[in-house]
Amino acid sequence: MTKNSNNLTYSNKITYGIRYIKSRKFKESENCFKDAIKIDSLKSEAYINLSNLYILDDKKTKALKILKEYLIKNSYNETIANHLGKICINYNFEYEFFELLELVNITKNKISKDRYYLYFIFGKFLQKNKNFLSALNAYKNSIKCKDDYFEPYFRIFYLLETTNDLINLEKYIKIAVNIFCEKKEICIINFYKAILYNRNKNFRLSEEIIRDNNLETHLNFNTNLFIRLHDLMSKNNEKLNKFSKSFYYIEKRNQLMFNLEENKKYNRNDIINTMKQYKSFFTFEKYNKIKRISENIKIEREVVFLVGFPRSGTTLLDTILRTHSKITVLEEKPYLLEARHDYFLKHNNDLNALLDISESEIVKIRDNYFNKFRKQISDQENIIIDKLPLSIIEIGFIKSIFPNSKFILALRHPCDVVLSCYFSFFSINEAMINFLNWEDTIDFYNKVFNLFEHYENELKFDYFSIKYEDLIADFEKNITQLLSFIGLKYENNLKNFYLTAKKRDKISTPSYSQVINPLYSTSIGRWKNFSKNKNAEADLIKWIDKFSY
């Protein structure tokens, strides 16, 4: 048989194999692709199609195996390696992905044009797992392999801005400007130029770049960027004292976010109903019944919970406290919520199960909680601060399991908090969906603090409240008092907290660009600038009075 007839036969086998897939005749399709491999074991097309068939037939392990065997038996093939990498990333085969990286020398920083895509998806994997510095290096290696591949630049722009590395952001923007000329690529580059000018406090020039490049029209090909553009325009216009225009862009941004398909699964009533249940369940009598069991069980170590409504200064307090040599602040993750969820999952989500909780179950919940972050704790003598603002809702459960725990309550003028929540760019979940609507934001604030007040009256728990405004007015006095509450003394380096923030890989809250700066007072009374657009004062008067604002 001649070479040409071999090629014809190979091609026919692929064609028939694909036809069989379309008619759901998977076995016949598999045989066709295997026959093609026998004809020519070096060509990649049959392997790719066979792996896709296995994916369709829910045989993902076989899909991985057939591609891996190719790479082991034959020399490196870019198409095969990239396809294997995609499957590993898309279906969370982490171990197999690192096997692939070892196999093709990615882990040894092998720079070669045919590895550019693997470096890129390696960066995506690292970024997804919050290993931001390593992700940056992977993206940079992708560019070293192929400097005209735009996707890693796009990812680098995002990571450099959100990790506050503005010097390198400017550097990579300049590099990209000299390489790319496609319309979409230029739009993205100009968008990040506008962000850079905003971050460098040149708000007028940021707006000029948006206007002169007509980004409001040309950037709508990417929904996420289009949303971020409206956020940026709102920030610029606020700084230029164009408050009505700033509010307009935030309203538009929030509507765009509300309409995103992935956000439609969240129902604000879920968390509202949870708070109703807590308010009904956690009475003085019920709490004391649980407490009598839990308070006699020796605990591994006490934890201080830093709570408050979002945008009340919790990230600022987090950064100040983590600067103290005797404090370890946990990364903002739902360790406690996960431990609570695990317990109630075994009890049909019935709150009343707490009334019959045993000592062994309390120990198990505590162990589950501590095990989630044990590796983060390098100094066993440090005081642990668990900062998750909306754990304020979970005070009843926390006090049931950790009856001697202390709480730091971060406070800020309620009108400033509500405005800031409405303006902030949160990742959406069951709680944050409230902040896409002005009335919902106010209602959520009221319901959270009604529950907090209920906890105050029924649980009589120990907490220290600290106002954002007082902290700005007299830093040392207020931080000294807070530290005394948790049994520590003031340290002189605490005023340099913003240097601690700059050293962190990435701050995953809307305050990431603010806490890298020394204290400033410009956000106090911010709500008054927008009082002609929306004014929450009358709806929040109970809390304004309660917290003496």
Protein backbone atom coordinates (compact mmCIF):
# COMPACT_ATOMS: atom_id res chain seq x y z
CA MET A 1 0.00 0.00 0.00
CA THR A 2 1.45 3.41 -0.97
CA LYS A 3 1.93 6.32 1.40
CA ASN A 4 -0.91 8.26 -0.30
CA SER A 5 -3.35 5.38 0.07
CA ASN A 6 -2.31 5.10 3.74
CA ASN A 7 -3.16 8.78 4.21
CA LEU A 8 -6.48 8.26 2.44
CA THR A 9 -7.31 5.31 4.67
CA TYR A 10 -6.28 7.24 7.80
CA SER A 11 -8.44 10.19 6.74
CA ASN A 12 -11.40 7.90 5.98
CA LYS A 13 -11.13 6.28 9.41
CA ILE A 14 -11.23 9.71 11.08
CA THR A 15 -14.21 10.77 8.94
CA TYR A 16 -16.20 7.63 9.75
CA GLY A 17 -15.25 7.83 13.41
CA ILE A 18 -16.66 11.36 13.66
CA ARG A 19 -19.85 10.28 11.86
CA TYR A 20 -20.33 7.45 14.33
CA ILE A 21 -19.94 9.93 17.23
CA LYS A 22 -22.70 12.11 15.77
CA SER A 23 -25.03 9.11 15.64
CA ARG A 24 -24.00 8.06 19.19
CA LYS A 25 -22.39 4.80 17.97
CA PHE A 26 -19.46 5.08 20.33
CA LYS A 27 -18.03 1.57 19.98
CA GLU A 28 -17.88 1.81 16.18
CA SER A 29 -16.33 5.25 16.48
CA GLU A 30 -13.70 3.98 18.94
CA ASN A 31 -12.73 1.17 16.52
CA CYS A 32 -12.30 3.65 13.67
CA PHE A 33 -9.95 5.88 15.66
CA LYS A 34 -7.96 2.89 16.92
CA ASP A 35 -7.62 1.62 13.33
CA ALA A 36 -6.33 5.05 12.30
CA ILE A 37 -3.72 4.91 15.09
CA LYS A 38 -2.55 1.51 13.80
CA ILE A 39 -2.14 3.03 10.34
CA ASP A 40 -0.08 5.96 11.64
CA SER A 41 0.79 6.09 15.33
CA LEU A 42 2.58 9.44 15.06
CA LYS A 43 -0.31 11.55 13.78
CA SER A 44 -2.23 13.33 16.52
CA GLU A 45 -5.68 13.62 14.96
CA ALA A 46 -6.92 10.11 15.84
CA TYR A 47 -5.67 10.45 19.44
CA ILE A 48 -7.43 13.79 19.89
CA ASN A 49 -10.70 12.46 18.51
CA LEU A 50 -10.45 9.27 20.55
CA SER A 51 -9.89 11.27 23.75
CA ASN A 52 -12.90 13.48 22.88
CA LEU A 53 -14.98 10.37 22.38
CA TYR A 54 -13.99 9.10 25.81
CA ILE A 55 -14.93 12.45 27.34
CA LEU A 56 -18.37 12.26 25.69
CA ASP A 57 -18.78 8.70 26.93
CA ASP A 58 -17.82 9.78 30.48
CA LYS A 59 -14.56 7.83 30.39
CA LYS A 60 -12.29 10.72 31.30
CA THR A 61 -9.54 8.52 32.77
CA LYS A 62 -9.24 6.70 29.43
CA ALA A 63 -9.11 10.07 27.64
CA LEU A 64 -6.15 11.08 29.79
CA LYS A 65 -4.43 7.71 29.39
CA ILE A 66 -4.51 7.63 25.58
CA LEU A 67 -2.92 11.09 25.33
CA LYS A 68 -0.34 10.43 28.04
CA GLU A 69 0.71 7.17 26.35
CA TYR A 70 1.31 9.06 23.12
CA LEU A 71 3.68 11.49 24.85
CA ILE A 72 5.55 8.67 26.57
CA LYS A 73 5.94 6.51 23.43
CA ASN A 74 6.58 9.29 20.93
CA SER A 75 8.41 12.59 20.94
CA TYR A 76 6.75 15.76 22.27
CA ASN A 77 3.67 16.80 20.33
CA GLU A 78 2.27 20.27 21.00
CA THR A 79 -1.31 19.43 20.00
CA ILE A 80 -1.44 16.29 22.16
CA ALA A 81 0.14 18.00 25.19
CA ASN A 82 -2.15 21.03 24.94
CA HIS A 83 -5.24 18.85 24.63
CA LEU A 84 -4.22 16.77 27.62
CA GLY A 85 -3.62 19.96 29.60
CA LYS A 86 -7.08 21.30 28.71
CA ILE A 87 -8.77 18.10 29.89
CA CYS A 88 -6.83 18.14 33.17
CA ILE A 89 -7.78 21.77 33.85
CA ASN A 90 -11.42 21.50 32.72
CA TYR A 91 -12.11 18.37 34.79
CA ASN A 92 -9.88 19.09 37.81
CA PHE A 93 -7.34 16.30 37.28
CA GLU A 94 -4.70 18.08 39.36
CA TYR A 95 -2.31 15.15 39.88
CA GLU A 96 -2.41 14.19 36.19
CA PHE A 97 -1.83 17.83 35.23
CA PHE A 98 1.39 17.99 37.25
CA GLU A 99 2.42 14.64 35.76
CA LEU A 100 2.05 16.24 32.33
CA LEU A 101 4.09 19.28 33.34
CA GLU A 102 6.89 17.00 34.57
CA LEU A 103 6.70 14.91 31.42
CA VAL A 104 7.16 17.90 29.10
CA ASN A 105 9.70 19.73 31.31
CA ILE A 106 7.46 22.70 32.12
CA THR A 107 8.40 22.45 35.81
CA LYS A 108 12.04 22.95 34.80
CA ASN A 109 11.19 26.24 33.05
CA LYS A 110 11.87 24.87 29.58
CA ILE A 111 11.32 27.84 27.28
CA SER A 112 10.24 26.73 23.82
CA LYS A 113 7.66 28.12 21.41
CA ASP A 114 5.67 24.89 21.43
CA ARG A 115 5.18 25.14 25.22
CA TYR A 116 3.54 28.60 25.27
CA TYR A 117 -0.01 27.32 25.74
CA LEU A 118 0.93 24.88 28.51
CA TYR A 119 2.56 27.69 30.45
CA PHE A 120 -0.61 29.73 29.96
CA ILE A 121 -2.97 27.05 31.32
CA PHE A 122 -0.48 26.38 34.13
CA GLY A 123 -0.84 30.05 35.03
CA LYS A 124 -4.64 29.74 34.97
CA PHE A 125 -4.44 26.73 37.28
CA LEU A 126 -2.16 28.57 39.73
CA GLN A 127 -4.31 31.70 39.64
CA LYS A 128 -7.47 29.65 40.32
CA ASN A 129 -5.71 28.19 43.36
CA LYS A 130 -4.68 31.70 44.53
CA ASN A 131 -0.97 31.09 43.97
CA PHE A 132 -0.66 34.50 42.36
CA LEU A 133 3.11 35.02 42.20
CA SER A 134 3.65 31.60 40.62
CA ALA A 135 0.79 32.31 38.22
CA LEU A 136 2.53 35.51 37.15
CA ASN A 137 5.75 33.60 36.48
CA ALA A 138 3.88 31.01 34.40
CA TYR A 139 2.26 33.74 32.30
CA LYS A 140 5.63 35.42 31.85
CA ASN A 141 7.10 32.11 30.66
CA SER A 142 4.24 31.79 28.19
CA ILE A 143 5.21 35.19 26.79
CA LYS A 144 8.88 34.18 26.66
CA CYS A 145 7.84 31.22 24.52
CA LYS A 146 5.60 33.27 22.23
CA ASP A 147 5.68 37.02 22.77
CA ASP A 148 2.74 37.74 20.42
CA TYR A 149 0.24 35.53 22.32
CA PHE A 150 -2.14 38.02 23.94
CA GLU A 151 -3.94 35.94 26.59
CA PRO A 152 -1.09 35.87 29.15
CA TYR A 153 -0.71 39.66 28.85
CA PHE A 154 -4.41 40.02 29.65
CA ARG A 155 -3.99 37.84 32.76
CA ILE A 156 -0.80 39.65 33.78
CA PHE A 157 -2.55 43.03 33.57
CA TYR A 158 -5.24 41.80 35.94
CA LEU A 159 -2.86 40.21 38.45
CA LEU A 160 -0.44 43.15 38.54
CA GLU A 161 -3.27 45.63 39.15
CA THR A 162 -5.01 43.56 41.82
CA THR A 163 -1.70 42.85 43.58
CA ASN A 164 -0.90 46.58 43.49
CA ASP A 165 2.23 46.18 41.35
CA LEU A 166 1.60 49.30 39.29
CA ILE A 167 5.21 49.71 38.13
CA ASN A 168 5.21 46.36 36.36
CA LEU A 169 1.68 46.93 35.10
CA GLU A 170 2.93 50.03 33.28
CA LYS A 171 5.90 48.03 31.95
CA TYR A 172 3.76 45.26 30.46
CA ILE A 173 1.24 47.73 29.00
CA LYS A 174 4.12 49.43 27.15
CA ILE A 175 5.38 46.07 25.87
CA ALA A 176 1.89 45.09 24.66
CA VAL A 177 1.32 48.43 22.89
CA ASN A 178 4.33 47.74 20.65
CA ILE A 179 3.20 44.22 19.71
CA PHE A 180 -0.58 44.06 19.29
CA CYS A 181 -2.76 45.82 16.75
CA GLU A 182 -6.05 43.89 16.68
CA LYS A 183 -9.05 46.03 17.70
CA LYS A 184 -10.09 43.87 20.68
CA GLU A 185 -6.52 43.66 21.99
CA ILE A 186 -6.06 47.43 21.72
CA CYS A 187 -9.34 47.99 23.59
CA ILE A 188 -8.15 45.82 26.48
CA ILE A 189 -4.75 47.54 26.57
CA ASN A 190 -6.43 50.96 26.64
CA PHE A 191 -8.77 49.79 29.39
CA TYR A 192 -5.80 48.89 31.58
CA LYS A 193 -4.12 52.18 30.68
CA ALA A 194 -7.24 53.91 32.03
CA ILE A 195 -7.09 51.78 35.19
CA LEU A 196 -3.42 52.64 35.65
CA TYR A 197 -4.11 56.37 35.40
CA ASN A 198 -6.95 55.98 37.89
CA ARG A 199 -4.67 54.13 40.33
CA ASN A 200 -2.09 56.89 39.94
CA LYS A 201 -4.83 59.43 40.78
CA ASN A 202 -4.91 60.98 37.31
CA PHE A 203 -8.67 60.62 37.00
CA ARG A 204 -9.15 63.15 34.22
CA LEU A 205 -6.64 61.42 31.95
CA SER A 206 -8.23 58.05 32.77
CA GLU A 207 -11.58 59.41 31.57
CA GLU A 208 -9.96 60.90 28.44
CA ILE A 209 -8.57 57.50 27.46
CA ILE A 210 -12.02 55.94 27.91
CA ARG A 211 -13.68 58.71 25.89
CA ASP A 212 -11.07 59.12 23.13
CA ASN A 213 -10.99 55.37 22.46
CA ASN A 214 -14.76 55.04 22.75
CA LEU A 215 -14.34 52.14 25.17
CA GLU A 216 -17.96 52.36 26.31
CA THR A 217 -18.94 51.21 22.81
CA HIS A 218 -16.00 49.01 21.81
CA LEU A 219 -15.49 47.06 25.05
CA ASN A 220 -18.93 45.45 25.16
CA PHE A 221 -17.57 42.31 23.44
CA ASN A 222 -16.40 41.20 26.90
CA THR A 223 -19.15 41.36 29.54
CA ASN A 224 -16.80 41.24 32.53
CA LEU A 225 -14.59 44.02 31.15
CA PHE A 226 -17.67 46.04 30.25
CA ILE A 227 -18.86 45.76 33.86
CA ARG A 228 -15.43 46.75 35.18
CA LEU A 229 -15.37 49.71 32.78
CA HIS A 230 -18.57 51.07 34.36
CA ASP A 231 -17.00 50.58 37.78
CA LEU A 232 -13.93 52.53 36.65
CA MET A 233 -16.00 55.35 35.13
CA SER A 234 -17.92 55.66 38.39
CA LYS A 235 -14.67 55.90 40.37
CA ASN A 236 -13.25 58.53 38.02
CA ASN A 237 -16.38 60.69 38.04
CA GLU A 238 -16.64 60.56 41.83
CA LYS A 239 -13.06 61.82 42.14
CA LEU A 240 -13.89 64.56 39.60
CA ASN A 241 -16.87 65.57 41.82
CA LYS A 242 -19.40 64.47 39.19
CA PHE A 243 -21.46 62.56 41.72
CA SER A 244 -24.67 62.08 39.73
CA LYS A 245 -22.68 60.69 36.82
CA SER A 246 -20.74 58.43 39.19
CA PHE A 247 -24.00 57.09 40.65
CA TYR A 248 -25.42 56.53 37.16
CA TYR A 249 -22.51 54.29 36.18
CA ILE A 250 -22.76 52.26 39.39
CA GLU A 251 -26.49 51.71 38.83
CA LYS A 252 -25.71 50.55 35.30
CA ARG A 253 -22.84 48.31 36.52
CA ASN A 254 -25.05 46.70 39.15
CA GLN A 255 -27.82 46.03 36.65
CA LEU A 256 -25.33 44.39 34.30
CA MET A 257 -24.08 42.21 37.15
CA PHE A 258 -27.62 41.32 38.22
CA ASN A 259 -28.39 40.16 34.67
CA LEU A 260 -25.36 37.85 34.46
CA GLU A 261 -26.50 34.26 34.00
CA GLU A 262 -24.18 32.96 36.73
CA ASN A 263 -25.73 35.37 39.27
CA LYS A 264 -29.32 34.27 38.68
CA LYS A 265 -28.82 31.21 40.87
CA TYR A 266 -28.52 33.41 43.97
CA ASN A 267 -31.64 34.29 45.91
CA ARG A 268 -31.34 36.98 48.57
CA ASN A 269 -34.19 35.37 50.51
CA ASP A 270 -31.97 32.40 51.38
CA ILE A 271 -29.81 34.40 53.76
CA ILE A 272 -32.78 36.48 54.95
CA ASN A 273 -34.63 33.28 55.91
CA THR A 274 -31.53 31.96 57.70
CA MET A 275 -31.41 35.11 59.82
CA LYS A 276 -35.11 34.74 60.66
CA GLN A 277 -34.49 31.18 61.84
CA TYR A 278 -31.51 32.26 63.95
CA LYS A 279 -33.52 35.03 65.57
CA SER A 280 -36.26 32.60 66.46
CA PHE A 281 -33.93 29.85 67.73
CA PHE A 282 -31.18 31.59 69.69
CA THR A 283 -32.96 32.59 72.87
CA PHE A 284 -31.39 32.96 76.32
CA GLU A 285 -32.79 29.60 77.50
CA LYS A 286 -31.77 27.58 74.43
CA TYR A 287 -28.32 29.12 74.27
CA ASN A 288 -27.61 28.41 77.94
CA LYS A 289 -28.65 24.78 77.52
CA ILE A 290 -26.02 24.37 74.77
CA LYS A 291 -23.46 26.48 76.63
CA ARG A 292 -23.63 24.25 79.72
CA ILE A 293 -22.27 21.44 77.58
CA SER A 294 -19.66 23.34 75.54
CA GLU A 295 -18.11 25.55 78.22
CA ASN A 296 -16.76 22.56 80.17
CA ILE A 297 -14.89 21.08 77.19
CA LYS A 298 -11.23 22.06 77.04
CA ILE A 299 -10.46 23.93 73.84
CA GLU A 300 -7.29 23.75 71.74
CA ARG A 301 -7.02 27.56 71.69
CA GLU A 302 -9.39 30.51 71.77
CA VAL A 303 -10.13 32.52 68.63
CA VAL A 304 -11.10 36.17 68.30
CA PHE A 305 -13.70 36.80 65.59
CA LEU A 306 -13.46 40.06 63.63
CA VAL A 307 -16.98 40.79 62.36
CA GLY A 308 -19.03 43.65 61.00
CA PHE A 309 -21.06 44.62 58.00
CA PRO A 310 -18.97 44.61 54.79
CA ARG A 311 -17.19 47.91 54.06
CA SER A 312 -17.03 48.84 57.75
CA GLY A 313 -13.23 48.85 57.91
CA THR A 314 -12.66 45.14 58.55
CA THR A 315 -9.90 44.88 55.91
CA LEU A 316 -8.14 47.89 57.44
CA LEU A 317 -8.33 46.30 60.91
CA ASP A 318 -7.18 42.97 59.46
CA THR A 319 -4.10 44.64 57.98
CA ILE A 320 -3.29 46.56 61.17
CA LEU A 321 -3.69 43.49 63.38
CA ARG A 322 -1.66 41.17 61.16
CA THR A 323 1.20 43.68 61.51
CA HIS A 324 1.36 42.82 65.25
CA SER A 325 4.04 40.27 66.13
CA LYS A 326 1.70 38.28 68.40
CA ILE A 327 -1.28 38.00 66.04
CA THR A 328 -2.09 35.67 63.15
CA VAL A 329 -5.04 36.79 61.02
CA LEU A 330 -6.64 34.02 59.00
CA GLU A 331 -7.15 34.61 55.31
CA GLU A 332 -10.74 35.60 54.63
CA LYS A 333 -12.23 32.15 54.09
CA PRO A 334 -15.42 30.56 55.47
CA TYR A 335 -13.68 28.10 57.83
CA LEU A 336 -16.38 28.42 60.46
CA LEU A 337 -19.22 28.30 57.92
CA GLU A 338 -17.82 25.11 56.43
CA ALA A 339 -17.57 23.48 59.87
CA ARG A 340 -21.14 24.58 60.64
CA HIS A 341 -22.36 23.28 57.27
CA ASP A 342 -20.71 19.89 57.83
CA TYR A 343 -22.46 19.53 61.19
CA PHE A 344 -25.95 20.49 60.02
CA LEU A 345 -25.64 18.36 56.88
CA LYS A 346 -25.60 15.34 59.20
CA HIS A 347 -28.70 16.65 61.04
CA ASN A 348 -31.03 17.46 58.12
CA ASN A 349 -30.24 21.19 58.46
CA ASP A 350 -32.32 21.26 61.65
CA LEU A 351 -31.24 24.02 64.04
CA ASN A 352 -32.91 22.17 66.92
CA ALA A 353 -30.18 19.52 66.64
CA LEU A 354 -28.00 21.95 68.62
CA LEU A 355 -30.22 21.42 71.66
CA ASP A 356 -29.18 17.77 71.79
CA ILE A 357 -25.56 18.25 70.78
CA SER A 358 -23.08 16.00 72.57
CA GLU A 359 -19.60 16.78 73.89
CA SER A 360 -18.05 14.56 71.21
CA GLU A 361 -19.91 16.45 68.47
CA ILE A 362 -18.67 19.79 69.79
CA VAL A 363 -15.10 18.45 69.86
CA LYS A 364 -15.55 17.21 66.28
CA ILE A 365 -16.81 20.61 65.06
CA ARG A 366 -13.87 22.35 66.75
CA ASP A 367 -11.37 19.89 65.27
CA ASN A 368 -12.95 20.29 61.84
CA TYR A 369 -12.63 24.07 62.17
CA PHE A 370 -9.02 24.13 63.40
CA ASN A 371 -7.89 21.52 60.86
CA LYS A 372 -8.97 23.79 57.99
CA PHE A 373 -6.31 26.39 58.79
CA ARG A 374 -3.81 24.59 61.03
CA LYS A 375 -1.07 24.77 58.36
CA GLN A 376 -1.37 28.58 58.27
CA ILE A 377 -0.34 28.90 61.91
CA SER A 378 3.44 29.15 62.15
CA ASP A 379 3.57 30.53 65.70
CA GLN A 380 1.50 28.46 68.10
CA GLU A 381 1.57 31.22 70.73
CA ASN A 382 -0.04 33.87 68.51
CA ILE A 383 -3.60 35.00 69.02
CA ILE A 384 -5.75 33.89 66.08
CA ILE A 385 -8.08 36.43 64.49
CA ASP A 386 -10.74 34.95 62.21
CA LYS A 387 -11.85 37.78 59.95
CA LEU A 388 -15.00 37.17 57.97
CA PRO A 389 -17.30 40.20 58.31
CA LEU A 390 -20.63 38.46 57.86
CA SER A 391 -19.80 35.93 60.55
CA ILE A 392 -21.74 38.54 62.52
CA ILE A 393 -24.77 36.51 61.40
CA GLU A 394 -23.25 33.35 62.90
CA ILE A 395 -22.61 34.70 66.42
CA GLY A 396 -25.22 32.37 67.86
CA PHE A 397 -23.55 29.27 66.43
CA ILE A 398 -20.05 30.54 67.24
CA LYS A 399 -20.94 31.17 70.90
CA SER A 400 -22.57 27.73 71.10
CA ILE A 401 -19.38 25.97 70.01
CA PHE A 402 -16.82 28.50 71.35
CA PRO A 403 -18.58 29.95 74.44
CA ASN A 404 -15.52 31.94 75.61
CA SER A 405 -14.72 33.47 72.24
CA LYS A 406 -14.33 37.23 71.90
CA PHE A 407 -15.59 39.46 69.10
CA ILE A 408 -14.28 42.65 67.54
CA LEU A 409 -17.13 44.58 65.93
CA ALA A 410 -16.02 46.97 63.18
CA LEU A 411 -18.34 49.97 62.87
CA ARG A 412 -18.64 52.84 60.40
CA HIS A 413 -21.40 55.37 59.79
CA PRO A 414 -24.35 53.27 58.51
CA CYS A 415 -24.98 55.60 55.55
CA ASP A 416 -21.35 55.34 54.46
CA VAL A 417 -21.48 51.55 54.84
CA VAL A 418 -24.63 51.16 52.74
CA LEU A 419 -23.31 53.48 50.02
CA SER A 420 -19.95 51.72 49.97
CA CYS A 421 -21.56 48.27 49.72
CA TYR A 422 -23.72 49.44 46.82
CA PHE A 423 -20.65 50.90 45.07
CA SER A 424 -18.21 48.05 45.82
CA PHE A 425 -17.29 45.40 43.29
CA PHE A 426 -17.98 42.18 45.17
CA SER A 427 -17.91 38.62 43.91
CA ILE A 428 -21.57 37.68 44.04
CA ASN A 429 -22.92 35.07 46.45
CA GLU A 430 -26.09 34.63 48.56
CA ALA A 431 -25.15 37.67 50.68
CA MET A 432 -23.55 39.99 48.13
CA ILE A 433 -26.49 39.71 45.73
CA ASN A 434 -28.18 42.15 48.13
CA PHE A 435 -25.75 44.91 47.15
CA LEU A 436 -26.86 45.10 43.52
CA ASN A 437 -30.04 46.92 44.54
CA TRP A 438 -30.18 50.07 46.69
CA GLU A 439 -33.28 49.14 48.70
CA ASP A 440 -32.03 45.57 49.21
CA THR A 441 -28.73 46.93 50.54
CA ILE A 442 -30.51 49.02 53.17
CA ASP A 443 -32.86 46.18 54.07
CA PHE A 444 -29.97 43.74 54.46
CA TYR A 445 -28.10 46.15 56.77
CA ASN A 446 -31.20 46.55 58.93
CA LYS A 447 -31.82 42.82 59.16
CA VAL A 448 -28.19 42.00 60.01
CA PHE A 449 -28.10 44.50 62.87
CA ASN A 450 -31.55 43.53 64.11
CA LEU A 451 -30.13 40.01 64.46
CA PHE A 452 -26.97 41.38 66.12
CA GLU A 453 -29.11 43.31 68.60
CA HIS A 454 -31.05 40.13 69.31
CA TYR A 455 -27.77 38.29 70.02
CA GLU A 456 -26.73 41.15 72.33
CA ASN A 457 -29.89 40.82 74.37
CA GLU A 458 -30.14 37.04 74.48
CA LEU A 459 -26.53 35.82 74.53
CA LYS A 460 -24.87 38.59 76.60
CA PHE A 461 -21.63 37.98 74.71
CA ASP A 462 -18.29 39.77 75.05
CA TYR A 463 -17.37 42.16 72.22
CA PHE A 464 -15.31 45.29 71.56
CA SER A 465 -16.66 47.80 69.05
CA ILE A 466 -14.28 50.07 67.16
CA LYS A 467 -15.41 52.86 64.87
CA TYR A 468 -13.62 53.52 61.60
CA GLU A 469 -13.95 57.26 62.19
CA ASP A 470 -12.40 57.04 65.68
CA LEU A 471 -9.53 54.96 64.32
CA ILE A 472 -8.78 57.65 61.74
CA ALA A 473 -8.99 60.41 64.37
CA ASP A 474 -6.76 58.74 66.99
CA PHE A 475 -5.05 55.61 65.71
CA GLU A 476 -2.85 54.76 68.70
CA LYS A 477 -5.51 55.26 71.35
CA ASN A 478 -8.12 53.10 69.64
CA ILE A 479 -5.75 50.30 68.60
CA THR A 480 -4.27 50.25 72.13
CA GLN A 481 -7.76 49.77 73.57
CA LEU A 482 -8.59 47.05 71.06
CA LEU A 483 -5.34 45.18 71.78
CA SER A 484 -5.95 45.45 75.52
CA PHE A 485 -9.32 43.76 74.97
CA ILE A 486 -7.58 40.70 73.47
CA GLY A 487 -4.70 40.76 75.96
CA LEU A 488 -1.89 42.40 73.96
CA LYS A 489 0.12 45.62 74.05
CA TYR A 490 0.57 48.27 71.38
CA GLU A 491 3.61 47.99 69.07
CA ASN A 492 5.12 51.04 67.36
CA ASN A 493 5.29 49.42 63.91
CA LEU A 494 1.49 49.13 63.70
CA LYS A 495 1.19 52.57 62.11
CA ASN A 496 3.11 51.17 59.14
CA PHE A 497 0.36 48.60 58.49
CA TYR A 498 0.18 49.64 54.81
CA LEU A 499 3.68 48.20 54.32
CA THR A 500 2.30 44.85 55.49
CA ALA A 501 -0.47 45.17 52.89
CA LYS A 502 2.07 45.83 50.13
CA LYS A 503 3.91 42.61 51.00
CA ARG A 504 0.82 40.43 50.61
CA ASP A 505 0.43 38.51 47.34
CA LYS A 506 -3.15 39.61 46.81
CA ILE A 507 -5.86 41.14 49.00
CA SER A 508 -9.12 39.53 47.95
CA THR A 509 -11.50 42.28 49.04
CA PRO A 510 -12.67 45.49 47.32
CA SER A 511 -10.25 47.38 49.62
CA TYR A 512 -7.13 45.96 47.94
CA SER A 513 -6.16 49.32 46.43
CA GLN A 514 -6.88 51.29 49.63
CA VAL A 515 -5.14 49.47 52.50
CA ILE A 516 -1.73 49.87 50.84
CA ASN A 517 -1.94 53.58 51.76
CA PRO A 518 -1.55 55.35 55.11
CA LEU A 519 -4.76 56.37 56.92
CA TYR A 520 -6.91 58.94 55.15
CA SER A 521 -10.22 60.60 56.04
CA THR A 522 -11.72 61.32 52.60
CA SER A 523 -14.16 58.40 52.80
CA ILE A 524 -15.77 59.73 56.00
CA GLY A 525 -19.13 61.33 55.17
CA ARG A 526 -18.89 60.13 51.58
CA TRP A 527 -22.64 59.40 51.57
CA LYS A 528 -23.42 63.12 51.73
CA ASN A 529 -22.00 63.60 48.21
CA PHE A 530 -24.71 61.30 46.87
CA SER A 531 -27.59 62.38 49.11
CA LYS A 532 -29.33 64.03 46.13
CA ASN A 533 -29.27 60.69 44.29
CA LYS A 534 -30.06 58.34 47.16
CA ASN A 535 -30.25 58.99 50.89
CA ALA A 536 -30.51 56.12 53.37
CA GLU A 537 -30.38 58.28 56.52
CA ALA A 538 -34.08 57.98 57.43
CA ASP A 539 -34.04 54.20 56.91
CA LEU A 540 -30.95 53.74 59.08
CA ILE A 541 -31.74 56.20 61.88
CA LYS A 542 -32.08 53.43 64.48
CA TRP A 543 -28.44 52.39 63.99
CA ILE A 544 -27.16 55.94 63.57
CA ASP A 545 -28.56 56.61 67.05
CA LYS A 546 -27.52 53.27 68.55
CA PHE A 547 -23.90 53.67 67.48
CA SER A 548 -23.87 57.41 68.38
CA TYR A 549 -23.25 58.88 64.94
